[in-house]
Amino acid sequence: MDKMKFQTPNLTAENVSKLADLFPGAVVEGKVNIDLLRANLR
């Protein structure tokens, strides 16, 4: 029998990674810089 995994995925890290792919200048040291993201969206 397969053992079940009782861990939830880290959705925040996945979303930051996706933002980094779309807007590489908006993610600095693994954190989203909201001001830079806004500037990229304008």
PDB file of N, CA and C in Angstrom:
ATOM      1  N   MET A   1       0.841  -1.170   0.000  1.00  0.00           N
ATOM      2  CA  MET A   1       0.000   0.000   0.000  1.00  0.00           C
ATOM      3  C   MET A   1       0.895   1.245   0.000  1.00  0.00           C
ATOM      4  N   ASP A   2       0.525   2.248  -0.798  1.00  0.00           N
ATOM      5  CA  ASP A   2       1.268   3.502  -0.851  1.00  0.00           C
ATOM      6  C   ASP A   2       0.934   4.361   0.356  1.00  0.00           C
ATOM      7  N   LYS A   3       1.953   5.014   0.885  1.00  0.00           N
ATOM      8  CA  LYS A   3       1.723   5.913   2.011  1.00  0.00           C
ATOM      9  C   LYS A   3       1.235   7.250   1.498  1.00  0.00           C
ATOM     10  N   MET A   4       0.325   7.842   2.238  1.00  0.00           N
ATOM     11  CA  MET A   4      -0.204   9.145   1.865  1.00  0.00           C
ATOM     12  C   MET A   4       0.744  10.237   2.335  1.00  0.00           C
ATOM     13  N   LYS A   5       0.816  11.313   1.547  1.00  0.00           N
ATOM     14  CA  LYS A   5       1.629  12.455   1.925  1.00  0.00           C
ATOM     15  C   LYS A   5       0.740  13.433   2.679  1.00  0.00           C
ATOM     16  N   PHE A   6       1.175  13.826   3.849  1.00  0.00           N
ATOM     17  CA  PHE A   6       0.413  14.761   4.661  1.00  0.00           C
ATOM     18  C   PHE A   6       1.093  16.120   4.694  1.00  0.00           C
ATOM     19  N   GLN A   7       1.493  16.581   3.518  1.00  0.00           N
ATOM     20  CA  GLN A   7       2.128  17.877   3.399  1.00  0.00           C
ATOM     21  C   GLN A   7       1.363  18.701   2.385  1.00  0.00           C
ATOM     22  N   THR A   8       1.246  19.984   2.671  1.00  0.00           N
ATOM     23  CA  THR A   8       0.598  20.872   1.718  1.00  0.00           C
ATOM     24  C   THR A   8       1.671  21.546   0.870  1.00  0.00           C
ATOM     25  N   PRO A   9       1.358  21.806  -0.378  1.00  0.00           N
ATOM     26  CA  PRO A   9       2.352  22.479  -1.222  1.00  0.00           C
ATOM     27  C   PRO A   9       2.534  23.930  -0.787  1.00  0.00           C
ATOM     28  N   ASN A  10       3.721  24.453  -1.016  1.00  0.00           N
ATOM     29  CA  ASN A  10       4.009  25.839  -0.670  1.00  0.00           C
ATOM     30  C   ASN A  10       3.555  26.711  -1.842  1.00  0.00           C
ATOM     31  N   LEU A  11       2.300  27.134  -1.782  1.00  0.00           N
ATOM     32  CA  LEU A  11       1.711  27.896  -2.882  1.00  0.00           C
ATOM     33  C   LEU A  11       2.347  29.271  -3.024  1.00  0.00           C
ATOM     34  N   THR A  12       2.783  29.850  -1.930  1.00  0.00           N
ATOM     35  CA  THR A  12       3.413  31.167  -1.997  1.00  0.00           C
ATOM     36  C   THR A  12       4.687  31.100  -2.812  1.00  0.00           C
ATOM     37  N   ALA A  13       5.517  30.120  -2.546  1.00  0.00           N
ATOM     38  CA  ALA A  13       6.773  29.971  -3.289  1.00  0.00           C
ATOM     39  C   ALA A  13       6.500  29.708  -4.763  1.00  0.00           C
ATOM     40  N   GLU A  14       5.476  28.925  -5.054  1.00  0.00           N
ATOM     41  CA  GLU A  14       5.134  28.650  -6.448  1.00  0.00           C
ATOM     42  C   GLU A  14       4.687  29.935  -7.153  1.00  0.00           C
ATOM     43  N   ASN A  15       3.881  30.745  -6.479  1.00  0.00           N
ATOM     44  CA  ASN A  15       3.400  31.988  -7.077  1.00  0.00           C
ATOM     45  C   ASN A  15       4.528  32.993  -7.275  1.00  0.00           C
ATOM     46  N   VAL A  16       5.445  33.081  -6.319  1.00  0.00           N
ATOM     47  CA  VAL A  16       6.592  33.977  -6.463  1.00  0.00           C
ATOM     48  C   VAL A  16       7.438  33.530  -7.648  1.00  0.00           C
ATOM     49  N   SER A  17       7.596  32.229  -7.809  1.00  0.00           N
ATOM     50  CA  SER A  17       8.360  31.701  -8.931  1.00  0.00           C
ATOM     51  C   SER A  17       7.696  32.055 -10.262  1.00  0.00           C
ATOM     52  N   LYS A  18       6.390  31.961 -10.317  1.00  0.00           N
ATOM     53  CA  LYS A  18       5.663  32.312 -11.538  1.00  0.00           C
ATOM     54  C   LYS A  18       5.798  33.798 -11.841  1.00  0.00           C
ATOM     55  N   LEU A  19       5.710  34.636 -10.804  1.00  0.00           N
ATOM     56  CA  LEU A  19       5.890  36.067 -11.001  1.00  0.00           C
ATOM     57  C   LEU A  19       7.306  36.381 -11.475  1.00  0.00           C
ATOM     58  N   ALA A  20       8.277  35.666 -10.942  1.00  0.00           N
ATOM     59  CA  ALA A  20       9.668  35.877 -11.347  1.00  0.00           C
ATOM     60  C   ALA A  20       9.863  35.524 -12.820  1.00  0.00           C
ATOM     61  N   ASP A  21       9.143  34.510 -13.302  1.00  0.00           N
ATOM     62  CA  ASP A  21       9.231  34.150 -14.714  1.00  0.00           C
ATOM     63  C   ASP A  21       8.627  35.246 -15.593  1.00  0.00           C
ATOM     64  N   LEU A  22       7.505  35.817 -15.141  1.00  0.00           N
ATOM     65  CA  LEU A  22       6.815  36.842 -15.931  1.00  0.00           C
ATOM     66  C   LEU A  22       7.451  38.218 -15.803  1.00  0.00           C
ATOM     67  N   PHE A  23       7.867  38.565 -14.583  1.00  0.00           N
ATOM     68  CA  PHE A  23       8.422  39.883 -14.293  1.00  0.00           C
ATOM     69  C   PHE A  23       9.708  39.722 -13.481  1.00  0.00           C
ATOM     70  N   PRO A  24      10.809  39.375 -14.136  1.00  0.00           N
ATOM     71  CA  PRO A  24      12.043  39.088 -13.397  1.00  0.00           C
ATOM     72  C   PRO A  24      12.566  40.271 -12.584  1.00  0.00           C
ATOM     73  N   GLY A  25      12.274  41.486 -12.990  1.00  0.00           N
ATOM     74  CA  GLY A  25      12.744  42.648 -12.251  1.00  0.00           C
ATOM     75  C   GLY A  25      11.955  42.924 -10.985  1.00  0.00           C
ATOM     76  N   ALA A  26      10.796  42.301 -10.835  1.00  0.00           N
ATOM     77  CA  ALA A  26       9.936  42.565  -9.688  1.00  0.00           C
ATOM     78  C   ALA A  26      10.237  41.654  -8.498  1.00  0.00           C
ATOM     79  N   VAL A  27      11.040  40.629  -8.717  1.00  0.00           N
ATOM     80  CA  VAL A  27      11.370  39.697  -7.633  1.00  0.00           C
ATOM     81  C   VAL A  27      12.837  39.881  -7.277  1.00  0.00           C
ATOM     82  N   VAL A  28      13.076  40.268  -6.027  1.00  0.00           N
ATOM     83  CA  VAL A  28      14.427  40.522  -5.541  1.00  0.00           C
ATOM     84  C   VAL A  28      14.675  39.625  -4.332  1.00  0.00           C
ATOM     85  N   GLU A  29      15.689  38.797  -4.420  1.00  0.00           N
ATOM     86  CA  GLU A  29      16.078  37.877  -3.344  1.00  0.00           C
ATOM     87  C   GLU A  29      14.913  36.994  -2.893  1.00  0.00           C
ATOM     88  N   GLY A  30      14.122  36.540  -3.852  1.00  0.00           N
ATOM     89  CA  GLY A  30      13.017  35.641  -3.544  1.00  0.00           C
ATOM     90  C   GLY A  30      11.778  36.308  -2.999  1.00  0.00           C
ATOM     91  N   LYS A  31      11.763  37.635  -2.982  1.00  0.00           N
ATOM     92  CA  LYS A  31      10.603  38.371  -2.482  1.00  0.00           C
ATOM     93  C   LYS A  31      10.092  39.302  -3.572  1.00  0.00           C
ATOM     94  N   VAL A  32       8.769  39.481  -3.602  1.00  0.00           N
ATOM     95  CA  VAL A  32       8.165  40.351  -4.602  1.00  0.00           C
ATOM     96  C   VAL A  32       8.222  41.788  -4.117  1.00  0.00           C
ATOM     97  N   ASN A  33       8.792  42.646  -4.935  1.00  0.00           N
ATOM     98  CA  ASN A  33       8.814  44.075  -4.642  1.00  0.00           C
ATOM     99  C   ASN A  33       7.585  44.670  -5.331  1.00  0.00           C
ATOM    100  N   ILE A  34       6.604  45.050  -4.527  1.00  0.00           N
ATOM    101  CA  ILE A  34       5.319  45.505  -5.043  1.00  0.00           C
ATOM    102  C   ILE A  34       5.473  46.744  -5.917  1.00  0.00           C
ATOM    103  N   ASP A  35       6.339  47.664  -5.532  1.00  0.00           N
ATOM    104  CA  ASP A  35       6.531  48.892  -6.318  1.00  0.00           C
ATOM    105  C   ASP A  35       7.087  48.567  -7.705  1.00  0.00           C
ATOM    106  N   LEU A  36       8.062  47.666  -7.764  1.00  0.00           N
ATOM    107  CA  LEU A  36       8.626  47.272  -9.056  1.00  0.00           C
ATOM    108  C   LEU A  36       7.594  46.503  -9.892  1.00  0.00           C
ATOM    109  N   LEU A  37       6.786  45.696  -9.238  1.00  0.00           N
ATOM    110  CA  LEU A  37       5.736  44.957  -9.955  1.00  0.00           C
ATOM    111  C   LEU A  37       4.725  45.928 -10.546  1.00  0.00           C
ATOM    112  N   ARG A  38       4.310  46.913  -9.755  1.00  0.00           N
ATOM    113  CA  ARG A  38       3.379  47.930 -10.257  1.00  0.00           C
ATOM    114  C   ARG A  38       3.968  48.666 -11.453  1.00  0.00           C
ATOM    115  N   ALA A  39       5.243  49.023 -11.362  1.00  0.00           N
ATOM    116  CA  ALA A  39       5.898  49.736 -12.456  1.00  0.00           C
ATOM    117  C   ALA A  39       5.925  48.881 -13.729  1.00  0.00           C
ATOM    118  N   ASN A  40       6.106  47.591 -13.579  1.00  0.00           N
ATOM    119  CA  ASN A  40       6.100  46.690 -14.732  1.00  0.00           C
ATOM    120  C   ASN A  40       4.722  46.507 -15.343  1.00  0.00           C
ATOM    121  N   LEU A  41       3.703  46.680 -14.531  1.00  0.00           N
ATOM    122  CA  LEU A  41       2.331  46.484 -15.013  1.00  0.00           C
ATOM    123  C   LEU A  41       1.772  47.712 -15.706  1.00  0.00           C
ATOM    124  N   ARG A  42       2.420  48.845 -15.560  1.00  0.00           N
ATOM    125  CA  ARG A  42       1.907  50.070 -16.193  1.00  0.00           C
ATOM    126  C   ARG A  42       2.286  50.153 -17.626  1.00  0.00           C
TER     127      ARG A  42
END
